[in-house]
Amino acid sequence: VVREELGSSPEELFGEFSREPFASASLAQVHAARCRETGRDLAIKVQHRGLRETSRGDLFAMATVVGIAERLFDEFNFGWICEELTPQV
């Protein structure tokens, strides 16, 4: 996944890179690394494989439901959430 996103392997990008994540959640996992130039410790967040593809359907479903709710209820104004989330994933 790192190579797909950044164009190089973790070993080429960082002085050190732990293959085992030290934290994981539903969207990503976090790996320890060390900056090649400065020696500084880093935390590298890597999205789970396939997240972008599977989340497209989720975002579409959310936008559909929010759009219907906004048409049915004048006080329901949450379309901005969909607009904010979509480019982030």
PDB file of N, CA and C in Angstrom:
ATOM      1  N   VAL A   1       0.829  -1.183   0.000  1.00  0.00           N
ATOM      2  CA  VAL A   1       0.000   0.000   0.000  1.00  0.00           C
ATOM      3  C   VAL A   1       0.880   1.256   0.000  1.00  0.00           C
ATOM      4  N   VAL A   2       1.962   1.252   0.774  1.00  0.00           N
ATOM      5  CA  VAL A   2       2.861   2.409   0.812  1.00  0.00           C
ATOM      6  C   VAL A   2       3.434   2.662  -0.577  1.00  0.00           C
ATOM      7  N   ARG A   3       3.879   1.614  -1.251  1.00  0.00           N
ATOM      8  CA  ARG A   3       4.443   1.764  -2.600  1.00  0.00           C
ATOM      9  C   ARG A   3       3.399   2.330  -3.554  1.00  0.00           C
ATOM     10  N   GLU A   4       2.153   1.841  -3.458  1.00  0.00           N
ATOM     11  CA  GLU A   4       1.082   2.331  -4.329  1.00  0.00           C
ATOM     12  C   GLU A   4       0.827   3.817  -4.108  1.00  0.00           C
ATOM     13  N   GLU A   5       0.840   4.249  -2.857  1.00  0.00           N
ATOM     14  CA  GLU A   5       0.519   5.643  -2.536  1.00  0.00           C
ATOM     15  C   GLU A   5       1.694   6.590  -2.773  1.00  0.00           C
ATOM     16  N   LEU A   6       2.915   6.157  -2.428  1.00  0.00           N
ATOM     17  CA  LEU A   6       4.059   7.070  -2.465  1.00  0.00           C
ATOM     18  C   LEU A   6       5.062   6.772  -3.573  1.00  0.00           C
ATOM     19  N   GLY A   7       4.877   5.654  -4.277  1.00  0.00           N
ATOM     20  CA  GLY A   7       5.726   5.364  -5.425  1.00  0.00           C
ATOM     21  C   GLY A   7       7.024   4.651  -5.124  1.00  0.00           C
ATOM     22  N   SER A   8       7.317   4.371  -3.866  1.00  0.00           N
ATOM     23  CA  SER A   8       8.533   3.660  -3.487  1.00  0.00           C
ATOM     24  C   SER A   8       8.243   2.769  -2.294  1.00  0.00           C
ATOM     25  N   SER A   9       9.117   1.810  -2.084  1.00  0.00           N
ATOM     26  CA  SER A   9       8.947   0.925  -0.929  1.00  0.00           C
ATOM     27  C   SER A   9       9.287   1.679   0.349  1.00  0.00           C
ATOM     28  N   PRO A  10       8.773   1.224   1.498  1.00  0.00           N
ATOM     29  CA  PRO A  10       9.099   1.879   2.765  1.00  0.00           C
ATOM     30  C   PRO A  10      10.603   1.921   3.031  1.00  0.00           C
ATOM     31  N   GLU A  11      11.319   0.868   2.640  1.00  0.00           N
ATOM     32  CA  GLU A  11      12.769   0.818   2.866  1.00  0.00           C
ATOM     33  C   GLU A  11      13.501   1.895   2.064  1.00  0.00           C
ATOM     34  N   GLU A  12      12.967   2.254   0.914  1.00  0.00           N
ATOM     35  CA  GLU A  12      13.575   3.314   0.106  1.00  0.00           C
ATOM     36  C   GLU A  12      13.253   4.703   0.651  1.00  0.00           C
ATOM     37  N   LEU A  13      12.093   4.823   1.292  1.00  0.00           N
ATOM     38  CA  LEU A  13      11.628   6.133   1.760  1.00  0.00           C
ATOM     39  C   LEU A  13      12.135   6.500   3.148  1.00  0.00           C
ATOM     40  N   PHE A  14      12.318   5.499   4.007  1.00  0.00           N
ATOM     41  CA  PHE A  14      12.648   5.759   5.405  1.00  0.00           C
ATOM     42  C   PHE A  14      13.933   5.041   5.796  1.00  0.00           C
ATOM     43  N   GLY A  15      14.618   5.594   6.801  1.00  0.00           N
ATOM     44  CA  GLY A  15      15.811   4.939   7.323  1.00  0.00           C
ATOM     45  C   GLY A  15      15.472   3.611   7.967  1.00  0.00           C
ATOM     46  N   GLU A  16      14.350   3.576   8.667  1.00  0.00           N
ATOM     47  CA  GLU A  16      13.816   2.347   9.267  1.00  0.00           C
ATOM     48  C   GLU A  16      12.308   2.378   9.098  1.00  0.00           C
ATOM     49  N   PHE A  17      11.723   1.184   8.976  1.00  0.00           N
ATOM     50  CA  PHE A  17      10.268   1.078   8.860  1.00  0.00           C
ATOM     51  C   PHE A  17       9.836  -0.246   9.444  1.00  0.00           C
ATOM     52  N   SER A  18       8.951  -0.198  10.433  1.00  0.00           N
ATOM     53  CA  SER A  18       8.457  -1.417  11.066  1.00  0.00           C
ATOM     54  C   SER A  18       7.307  -1.989  10.243  1.00  0.00           C
ATOM     55  N   ARG A  19       7.469  -3.219   9.793  1.00  0.00           N
ATOM     56  CA  ARG A  19       6.409  -3.880   9.007  1.00  0.00           C
ATOM     57  C   ARG A  19       5.174  -4.166   9.861  1.00  0.00           C
ATOM     58  N   GLU A  20       5.375  -4.361  11.155  1.00  0.00           N
ATOM     59  CA  GLU A  20       4.254  -4.620  12.063  1.00  0.00           C
ATOM     60  C   GLU A  20       3.705  -3.296  12.582  1.00  0.00           C
ATOM     61  N   PRO A  21       2.399  -3.051  12.401  1.00  0.00           N
ATOM     62  CA  PRO A  21       1.835  -1.803  12.918  1.00  0.00           C
ATOM     63  C   PRO A  21       1.793  -1.810  14.441  1.00  0.00           C
ATOM     64  N   PHE A  22       1.948  -0.639  15.046  1.00  0.00           N
ATOM     65  CA  PHE A  22       1.816  -0.557  16.501  1.00  0.00           C
ATOM     66  C   PHE A  22       0.427  -0.089  16.900  1.00  0.00           C
ATOM     67  N   ALA A  23      -0.390   0.310  15.916  1.00  0.00           N
ATOM     68  CA  ALA A  23      -1.776   0.683  16.173  1.00  0.00           C
ATOM     69  C   ALA A  23      -2.585   0.403  14.912  1.00  0.00           C
ATOM     70  N   SER A  24      -3.861   0.100  15.115  1.00  0.00           N
ATOM     71  CA  SER A  24      -4.729  -0.167  13.975  1.00  0.00           C
ATOM     72  C   SER A  24      -6.149   0.235  14.324  1.00  0.00           C
ATOM     73  N   ALA A  25      -6.860   0.715  13.323  1.00  0.00           N
ATOM     74  CA  ALA A  25      -8.263   1.100  13.486  1.00  0.00           C
ATOM     75  C   ALA A  25      -9.005   0.695  12.225  1.00  0.00           C
ATOM     76  N   SER A  26     -10.244   1.110  12.126  1.00  0.00           N
ATOM     77  CA  SER A  26     -11.058   0.667  11.003  1.00  0.00           C
ATOM     78  C   SER A  26     -10.575   1.207   9.658  1.00  0.00           C
ATOM     79  N   LEU A  27      -9.953   2.373   9.636  1.00  0.00           N
ATOM     80  CA  LEU A  27      -9.547   2.982   8.365  1.00  0.00           C
ATOM     81  C   LEU A  27      -8.072   2.810   8.027  1.00  0.00           C
ATOM     82  N   ALA A  28      -7.237   2.669   9.031  1.00  0.00           N
ATOM     83  CA  ALA A  28      -5.797   2.635   8.773  1.00  0.00           C
ATOM     84  C   ALA A  28      -5.058   1.948   9.907  1.00  0.00           C
ATOM     85  N   GLN A  29      -3.770   1.744   9.666  1.00  0.00           N
ATOM     86  CA  GLN A  29      -2.887   1.253  10.704  1.00  0.00           C
ATOM     87  C   GLN A  29      -1.671   2.174  10.751  1.00  0.00           C
ATOM     88  N   VAL A  30      -0.972   2.158  11.885  1.00  0.00           N
ATOM     89  CA  VAL A  30       0.146   3.078  12.080  1.00  0.00           C
ATOM     90  C   VAL A  30       1.425   2.277  12.297  1.00  0.00           C
ATOM     91  N   HIS A  31       2.455   2.656  11.535  1.00  0.00           N
ATOM     92  CA  HIS A  31       3.757   1.988  11.604  1.00  0.00           C
ATOM     93  C   HIS A  31       4.806   2.952  12.139  1.00  0.00           C
ATOM     94  N   ALA A  32       5.756   2.432  12.896  1.00  0.00           N
ATOM     95  CA  ALA A  32       6.887   3.231  13.352  1.00  0.00           C
ATOM     96  C   ALA A  32       7.915   3.300  12.230  1.00  0.00           C
ATOM     97  N   ALA A  33       8.508   4.468  12.077  1.00  0.00           N
ATOM     98  CA  ALA A  33       9.548   4.650  11.067  1.00  0.00           C
ATOM     99  C   ALA A  33      10.547   5.675  11.573  1.00  0.00           C
ATOM    100  N   ARG A  34      11.655   5.796  10.851  1.00  0.00           N
ATOM    101  CA  ARG A  34      12.668   6.798  11.185  1.00  0.00           C
ATOM    102  C   ARG A  34      13.017   7.541   9.904  1.00  0.00           C
ATOM    103  N   CYS A  35      13.055   8.862  10.013  1.00  0.00           N
ATOM    104  CA  CYS A  35      13.388   9.716   8.873  1.00  0.00           C
ATOM    105  C   CYS A  35      14.841   9.468   8.465  1.00  0.00           C
ATOM    106  N   ARG A  36      15.054   9.217   7.202  1.00  0.00           N
ATOM    107  CA  ARG A  36      16.391   8.937   6.689  1.00  0.00           C
ATOM    108  C   ARG A  36      17.317  10.154   6.852  1.00  0.00           C
ATOM    109  N   GLU A  37      16.805  11.350   6.609  1.00  0.00           N
ATOM    110  CA  GLU A  37      17.633  12.556   6.647  1.00  0.00           C
ATOM    111  C   GLU A  37      17.929  13.059   8.065  1.00  0.00           C
ATOM    112  N   THR A  38      16.920  13.039   8.934  1.00  0.00           N
ATOM    113  CA  THR A  38      17.087  13.657  10.263  1.00  0.00           C
ATOM    114  C   THR A  38      17.236  12.658  11.400  1.00  0.00           C
ATOM    115  N   GLY A  39      16.873  11.407  11.163  1.00  0.00           N
ATOM    116  CA  GLY A  39      16.901  10.406  12.228  1.00  0.00           C
ATOM    117  C   GLY A  39      15.723  10.510  13.174  1.00  0.00           C
ATOM    118  N   ARG A  40      14.812  11.389  12.865  1.00  0.00           N
ATOM    119  CA  ARG A  40      13.639  11.618  13.726  1.00  0.00           C
ATOM    120  C   ARG A  40      12.663  10.435  13.659  1.00  0.00           C
ATOM    121  N   ASP A  41      12.088  10.068  14.812  1.00  0.00           N
ATOM    122  CA  ASP A  41      11.085   9.014  14.865  1.00  0.00           C
ATOM    123  C   ASP A  41       9.793   9.516  14.238  1.00  0.00           C
ATOM    124  N   LEU A  42       9.151   8.655  13.464  1.00  0.00           N
ATOM    125  CA  LEU A  42       7.920   9.014  12.757  1.00  0.00           C
ATOM    126  C   LEU A  42       6.837   7.978  13.015  1.00  0.00           C
ATOM    127  N   ALA A  43       5.598   8.403  12.887  1.00  0.00           N
ATOM    128  CA  ALA A  43       4.450   7.496  12.880  1.00  0.00           C
ATOM    129  C   ALA A  43       3.827   7.630  11.501  1.00  0.00           C
ATOM    130  N   ILE A  44       3.800   6.535  10.743  1.00  0.00           N
ATOM    131  CA  ILE A  44       3.308   6.554   9.375  1.00  0.00           C
ATOM    132  C   ILE A  44       1.937   5.875   9.335  1.00  0.00           C
ATOM    133  N   LYS A  45       0.928   6.640   8.963  1.00  0.00           N
ATOM    134  CA  LYS A  45      -0.440   6.124   8.882  1.00  0.00           C
ATOM    135  C   LYS A  45      -0.669   5.588   7.468  1.00  0.00           C
ATOM    136  N   VAL A  46      -1.081   4.324   7.387  1.00  0.00           N
ATOM    137  CA  VAL A  46      -1.289   3.664   6.106  1.00  0.00           C
ATOM    138  C   VAL A  46      -2.730   3.160   6.043  1.00  0.00           C
ATOM    139  N   GLN A  47      -3.473   3.623   5.048  1.00  0.00           N
ATOM    140  CA  GLN A  47      -4.855   3.163   4.895  1.00  0.00           C
ATOM    141  C   GLN A  47      -4.873   1.672   4.572  1.00  0.00           C
ATOM    142  N   HIS A  48      -5.894   0.996   5.071  1.00  0.00           N
ATOM    143  CA  HIS A  48      -6.051  -0.424   4.764  1.00  0.00           C
ATOM    144  C   HIS A  48      -6.273  -0.603   3.265  1.00  0.00           C
ATOM    145  N   ARG A  49      -5.741  -1.682   2.725  1.00  0.00           N
ATOM    146  CA  ARG A  49      -5.886  -1.987   1.300  1.00  0.00           C
ATOM    147  C   ARG A  49      -7.373  -2.094   0.948  1.00  0.00           C
ATOM    148  N   GLY A  50      -7.752  -1.477  -0.154  1.00  0.00           N
ATOM    149  CA  GLY A  50      -9.128  -1.551  -0.635  1.00  0.00           C
ATOM    150  C   GLY A  50     -10.073  -0.558   0.007  1.00  0.00           C
ATOM    151  N   LEU A  51      -9.590   0.222   0.955  1.00  0.00           N
ATOM    152  CA  LEU A  51     -10.468   1.166   1.653  1.00  0.00           C
ATOM    153  C   LEU A  51     -11.105   2.156   0.688  1.00  0.00           C
ATOM    154  N   ARG A  52     -10.322   2.705  -0.201  1.00  0.00           N
ATOM    155  CA  ARG A  52     -10.835   3.707  -1.138  1.00  0.00           C
ATOM    156  C   ARG A  52     -11.973   3.131  -1.984  1.00  0.00           C
ATOM    157  N   GLU A  53     -11.777   1.917  -2.471  1.00  0.00           N
ATOM    158  CA  GLU A  53     -12.782   1.303  -3.338  1.00  0.00           C
ATOM    159  C   GLU A  53     -14.068   0.989  -2.578  1.00  0.00           C
ATOM    160  N   THR A  54     -13.948   0.413  -1.399  1.00  0.00           N
ATOM    161  CA  THR A  54     -15.151   0.042  -0.650  1.00  0.00           C
ATOM    162  C   THR A  54     -15.863   1.256  -0.077  1.00  0.00           C
ATOM    163  N   SER A  55     -15.110   2.289   0.228  1.00  0.00           N
ATOM    164  CA  SER A  55     -15.751   3.472   0.822  1.00  0.00           C
ATOM    165  C   SER A  55     -16.522   4.297  -0.202  1.00  0.00           C
ATOM    166  N   ARG A  56     -16.245   4.142  -1.482  1.00  0.00           N
ATOM    167  CA  ARG A  56     -17.010   4.864  -2.504  1.00  0.00           C
ATOM    168  C   ARG A  56     -18.498   4.529  -2.408  1.00  0.00           C
ATOM    169  N   GLY A  57     -18.807   3.256  -2.264  1.00  0.00           N
ATOM    170  CA  GLY A  57     -20.197   2.831  -2.115  1.00  0.00           C
ATOM    171  C   GLY A  57     -20.821   3.362  -0.835  1.00  0.00           C
ATOM    172  N   ASP A  58     -20.047   3.353   0.241  1.00  0.00           N
ATOM    173  CA  ASP A  58     -20.531   3.884   1.514  1.00  0.00           C
ATOM    174  C   ASP A  58     -20.841   5.377   1.403  1.00  0.00           C
ATOM    175  N   LEU A  59     -19.947   6.111   0.763  1.00  0.00           N
ATOM    176  CA  LEU A  59     -20.158   7.552   0.601  1.00  0.00           C
ATOM    177  C   LEU A  59     -21.366   7.843  -0.285  1.00  0.00           C
ATOM    178  N   PHE A  60     -21.545   7.049  -1.332  1.00  0.00           N
ATOM    179  CA  PHE A  60     -22.705   7.218  -2.200  1.00  0.00           C
ATOM    180  C   PHE A  60     -23.995   6.978  -1.416  1.00  0.00           C
ATOM    181  N   ALA A  61     -24.012   5.906  -0.626  1.00  0.00           N
ATOM    182  CA  ALA A  61     -25.206   5.597   0.177  1.00  0.00           C
ATOM    183  C   ALA A  61     -25.480   6.712   1.184  1.00  0.00           C
ATOM    184  N   MET A  62     -24.436   7.214   1.840  1.00  0.00           N
ATOM    185  CA  MET A  62     -24.608   8.283   2.805  1.00  0.00           C
ATOM    186  C   MET A  62     -25.137   9.545   2.120  1.00  0.00           C
ATOM    187  N   ALA A  63     -24.592   9.897   0.976  1.00  0.00           N
ATOM    188  CA  ALA A  63     -25.034  11.090   0.261  1.00  0.00           C
ATOM    189  C   ALA A  63     -26.485  10.952  -0.183  1.00  0.00           C
ATOM    190  N   THR A  64     -26.877   9.759  -0.575  1.00  0.00           N
ATOM    191  CA  THR A  64     -28.269   9.519  -0.989  1.00  0.00           C
ATOM    192  C   THR A  64     -29.223   9.710   0.182  1.00  0.00           C
ATOM    193  N   VAL A  65     -28.906   9.103   1.305  1.00  0.00           N
ATOM    194  CA  VAL A  65     -29.764   9.214   2.488  1.00  0.00           C
ATOM    195  C   VAL A  65     -29.817  10.664   2.984  1.00  0.00           C
ATOM    196  N   VAL A  66     -28.679  11.330   3.024  1.00  0.00           N
ATOM    197  CA  VAL A  66     -28.641  12.724   3.475  1.00  0.00           C
ATOM    198  C   VAL A  66     -29.449  13.599   2.520  1.00  0.00           C
ATOM    199  N   GLY A  67     -29.320  13.376   1.219  1.00  0.00           N
ATOM    200  CA  GLY A  67     -30.080  14.158   0.237  1.00  0.00           C
ATOM    201  C   GLY A  67     -31.586  13.995   0.406  1.00  0.00           C
ATOM    202  N   ILE A  68     -32.025  12.770   0.633  1.00  0.00           N
ATOM    203  CA  ILE A  68     -33.457  12.510   0.845  1.00  0.00           C
ATOM    204  C   ILE A  68     -33.924  13.191   2.127  1.00  0.00           C
ATOM    205  N   ALA A  69     -33.158  13.051   3.193  1.00  0.00           N
ATOM    206  CA  ALA A  69     -33.525  13.678   4.467  1.00  0.00           C
ATOM    207  C   ALA A  69     -33.584  15.197   4.342  1.00  0.00           C
ATOM    208  N   GLU A  70     -32.667  15.779   3.594  1.00  0.00           N
ATOM    209  CA  GLU A  70     -32.686  17.238   3.426  1.00  0.00           C
ATOM    210  C   GLU A  70     -33.919  17.702   2.659  1.00  0.00           C
ATOM    211  N   ARG A  71     -34.388  16.884   1.728  1.00  0.00           N
ATOM    212  CA  ARG A  71     -35.613  17.244   0.992  1.00  0.00           C
ATOM    213  C   ARG A  71     -36.865  17.070   1.844  1.00  0.00           C
ATOM    214  N   LEU A  72     -36.829  16.114   2.749  1.00  0.00           N
ATOM    215  CA  LEU A  72     -37.994  15.852   3.587  1.00  0.00           C
ATOM    216  C   LEU A  72     -38.086  16.761   4.813  1.00  0.00           C
ATOM    217  N   PHE A  73     -36.951  17.159   5.339  1.00  0.00           N
ATOM    218  CA  PHE A  73     -36.921  17.936   6.583  1.00  0.00           C
ATOM    219  C   PHE A  73     -36.117  19.218   6.382  1.00  0.00           C
ATOM    220  N   ASP A  74     -36.784  20.351   6.473  1.00  0.00           N
ATOM    221  CA  ASP A  74     -36.117  21.639   6.250  1.00  0.00           C
ATOM    222  C   ASP A  74     -34.955  21.876   7.201  1.00  0.00           C
ATOM    223  N   GLU A  75     -35.086  21.423   8.431  1.00  0.00           N
ATOM    224  CA  GLU A  75     -34.051  21.691   9.427  1.00  0.00           C
ATOM    225  C   GLU A  75     -32.860  20.724   9.340  1.00  0.00           C
ATOM    226  N   PHE A  76     -32.938  19.734   8.486  1.00  0.00           N
ATOM    227  CA  PHE A  76     -31.860  18.762   8.332  1.00  0.00           C
ATOM    228  C   PHE A  76     -30.880  19.288   7.276  1.00  0.00           C
ATOM    229  N   ASN A  77     -29.733  19.771   7.713  1.00  0.00           N
ATOM    230  CA  ASN A  77     -28.747  20.372   6.808  1.00  0.00           C
ATOM    231  C   ASN A  77     -27.368  19.754   7.032  1.00  0.00           C
ATOM    232  N   PHE A  78     -27.218  18.521   6.593  1.00  0.00           N
ATOM    233  CA  PHE A  78     -25.951  17.834   6.805  1.00  0.00           C
ATOM    234  C   PHE A  78     -25.260  17.426   5.511  1.00  0.00           C
ATOM    235  N   GLY A  79     -25.678  17.979   4.397  1.00  0.00           N
ATOM    236  CA  GLY A  79     -25.028  17.681   3.125  1.00  0.00           C
ATOM    237  C   GLY A  79     -23.564  18.073   3.117  1.00  0.00           C
ATOM    238  N   TRP A  80     -23.208  19.054   3.921  1.00  0.00           N
ATOM    239  CA  TRP A  80     -21.816  19.508   3.996  1.00  0.00           C
ATOM    240  C   TRP A  80     -20.886  18.393   4.463  1.00  0.00           C
ATOM    241  N   ILE A  81     -21.407  17.473   5.270  1.00  0.00           N
ATOM    242  CA  ILE A  81     -20.572  16.364   5.748  1.00  0.00           C
ATOM    243  C   ILE A  81     -20.114  15.506   4.570  1.00  0.00           C
ATOM    244  N   CYS A  82     -21.041  15.205   3.669  1.00  0.00           N
ATOM    245  CA  CYS A  82     -20.697  14.417   2.483  1.00  0.00           C
ATOM    246  C   CYS A  82     -19.667  15.166   1.626  1.00  0.00           C
ATOM    247  N   GLU A  83     -19.873  16.471   1.478  1.00  0.00           N
ATOM    248  CA  GLU A  83     -18.944  17.283   0.681  1.00  0.00           C
ATOM    249  C   GLU A  83     -17.547  17.302   1.299  1.00  0.00           C
ATOM    250  N   GLU A  84     -17.478  17.266   2.615  1.00  0.00           N
ATOM    251  CA  GLU A  84     -16.183  17.261   3.313  1.00  0.00           C
ATOM    252  C   GLU A  84     -15.495  15.893   3.242  1.00  0.00           C
ATOM    253  N   LEU A  85     -16.278  14.823   3.419  1.00  0.00           N
ATOM    254  CA  LEU A  85     -15.689  13.483   3.487  1.00  0.00           C
ATOM    255  C   LEU A  85     -15.250  12.938   2.141  1.00  0.00           C
ATOM    256  N   THR A  86     -16.013  13.179   1.117  1.00  0.00           N
ATOM    257  CA  THR A  86     -15.765  12.553  -0.179  1.00  0.00           C
ATOM    258  C   THR A  86     -14.347  12.785  -0.703  1.00  0.00           C
ATOM    259  N   PRO A  87     -13.834  14.015  -0.751  1.00  0.00           N
ATOM    260  CA  PRO A  87     -12.467  14.184  -1.267  1.00  0.00           C
ATOM    261  C   PRO A  87     -11.386  13.632  -0.334  1.00  0.00           C
ATOM    262  N   GLN A  88     -11.691  13.411   0.941  1.00  0.00           N
ATOM    263  CA  GLN A  88     -10.702  12.946   1.907  1.00  0.00           C
ATOM    264  C   GLN A  88     -10.395  11.463   1.769  1.00  0.00           C
ATOM    265  N   VAL A  89     -11.331  10.714   1.199  1.00  0.00           N
ATOM    266  CA  VAL A  89     -11.138   9.269   1.085  1.00  0.00           C
ATOM    267  C   VAL A  89     -10.721   8.951  -0.316  1.00  0.00           C
TER     268      VAL A  89
END
